[in-house]
Amino acid sequence: MKHVENERGGYFTIEKDGYEEGRMSYVNAGDKVIIIDHTYVSPESQGGGLGTELVKGAVDYARESGHKLMATCPFARAVLIKHSDWQDVVAG
């Protein structure tokens, strides 16, 4: 998994053989909150847990950096709610 940060926020991406299989983007909301706004998994890779893996990347990043997560992306929001062990990084 690759994590790229920019002035607005950033994204996590998973590539295989030079092809991007999935990407999850986020925007910064203040100093310590990031909002997951979009998750994409290629049609060929859907159903294999790749989207959840991307959200897990954001959870790991939040734990390491002291950030909290929010999600406007319906998929990411559902995954965060489903995993009770990730609630320590979910904002409000």
Protein backbone atom coordinates (compact mmCIF):
# COMPACT_ATOMS: atom_id res chain seq x y z
CA MET A 1 0.00 0.00 0.00
CA LYS A 2 1.23 3.48 -0.85
CA HIS A 3 0.26 6.63 1.07
CA VAL A 4 0.58 10.00 -0.67
CA GLU A 5 -0.02 13.27 1.16
CA ASN A 6 -0.65 16.67 -0.41
CA GLU A 7 -1.69 20.14 0.78
CA ARG A 8 -5.40 19.20 0.76
CA GLY A 9 -5.18 15.73 2.22
CA GLY A 10 -4.00 12.64 0.42
CA TYR A 11 -4.80 9.11 -0.63
CA PHE A 12 -3.94 5.48 -0.12
CA THR A 13 -3.48 3.27 -3.15
CA ILE A 14 -2.85 -0.40 -3.82
CA GLU A 15 -1.13 -1.37 -7.06
CA LYS A 16 -0.41 -4.73 -8.60
CA ASP A 17 1.89 -5.17 -11.60
CA GLY A 18 1.89 -1.39 -12.18
CA TYR A 19 -1.92 -1.23 -12.24
CA GLU A 20 -3.86 0.69 -9.61
CA GLU A 21 -6.39 -1.74 -8.14
CA GLY A 22 -7.81 0.62 -5.54
CA ARG A 23 -7.60 4.13 -4.14
CA MET A 24 -9.10 5.85 -1.13
CA SER A 25 -8.82 9.62 -0.87
CA TYR A 26 -9.21 11.94 2.09
CA VAL A 27 -9.21 15.64 2.90
CA ASN A 28 -7.86 17.35 5.98
CA ALA A 29 -10.41 18.87 8.35
CA GLY A 30 -8.35 20.87 10.79
CA ASP A 31 -5.14 19.69 12.38
CA LYS A 32 -6.14 16.25 13.61
CA VAL A 33 -9.18 15.07 11.63
CA ILE A 34 -9.21 13.55 8.18
CA ILE A 35 -12.35 12.89 6.15
CA ILE A 36 -12.40 9.87 3.85
CA ASP A 37 -14.32 11.16 0.84
CA HIS A 38 -13.97 8.47 -1.81
CA THR A 39 -13.04 4.80 -2.17
CA TYR A 40 -12.55 3.15 -5.54
CA VAL A 41 -11.77 -0.50 -6.28
CA SER A 42 -11.38 -1.67 -9.87
CA PRO A 43 -14.18 -3.95 -11.07
CA GLU A 44 -11.72 -6.84 -11.41
CA SER A 45 -10.73 -6.55 -7.74
CA GLN A 46 -14.13 -5.93 -6.14
CA GLY A 47 -15.28 -8.37 -3.49
CA GLY A 48 -11.79 -9.35 -2.42
CA GLY A 49 -11.45 -7.12 0.62
CA LEU A 50 -9.34 -4.47 -1.08
CA GLY A 51 -11.64 -1.62 -0.02
CA THR A 52 -11.47 -2.72 3.60
CA GLU A 53 -7.69 -2.95 3.31
CA LEU A 54 -7.59 0.68 2.16
CA VAL A 55 -9.72 1.80 5.11
CA LYS A 56 -7.41 -0.20 7.41
CA GLY A 57 -4.51 1.80 5.97
CA ALA A 58 -6.23 4.99 7.09
CA VAL A 59 -6.91 3.49 10.53
CA ASP A 60 -3.23 2.57 10.92
CA TYR A 61 -2.18 6.03 9.77
CA ALA A 62 -4.61 7.68 12.22
CA ARG A 63 -3.26 5.63 15.11
CA GLU A 64 0.35 6.44 14.23
CA SER A 65 -0.21 10.16 13.66
CA GLY A 66 -2.83 10.94 16.32
CA HIS A 67 -5.55 11.77 13.76
CA LYS A 68 -9.24 10.95 13.99
CA LEU A 69 -11.27 9.70 11.03
CA MET A 70 -14.62 10.72 9.60
CA ALA A 71 -16.11 9.37 6.38
CA THR A 72 -18.45 10.94 3.87
CA CYS A 73 -17.80 7.97 1.59
CA PRO A 74 -20.64 5.50 2.27
CA PHE A 75 -18.39 2.47 1.86
CA ALA A 76 -15.72 3.73 4.25
CA ARG A 77 -18.35 4.84 6.77
CA ALA A 78 -19.93 1.35 6.73
CA VAL A 79 -16.55 -0.35 7.17
CA LEU A 80 -15.61 1.92 10.08
CA ILE A 81 -18.94 1.21 11.80
CA LYS A 82 -18.57 -2.54 11.24
CA HIS A 83 -15.17 -2.75 12.95
CA SER A 84 -15.70 -2.08 16.65
CA ASP A 85 -11.95 -2.39 17.24
CA TRP A 86 -11.36 0.71 15.09
CA GLN A 87 -13.61 3.05 17.07
CA ASP A 88 -10.64 4.56 18.91
CA VAL A 89 -9.83 6.56 15.77
CA VAL A 90 -13.36 7.48 14.71
CA ALA A 91 -14.25 11.13 15.33
CA GLY A 92 -17.44 11.86 17.23
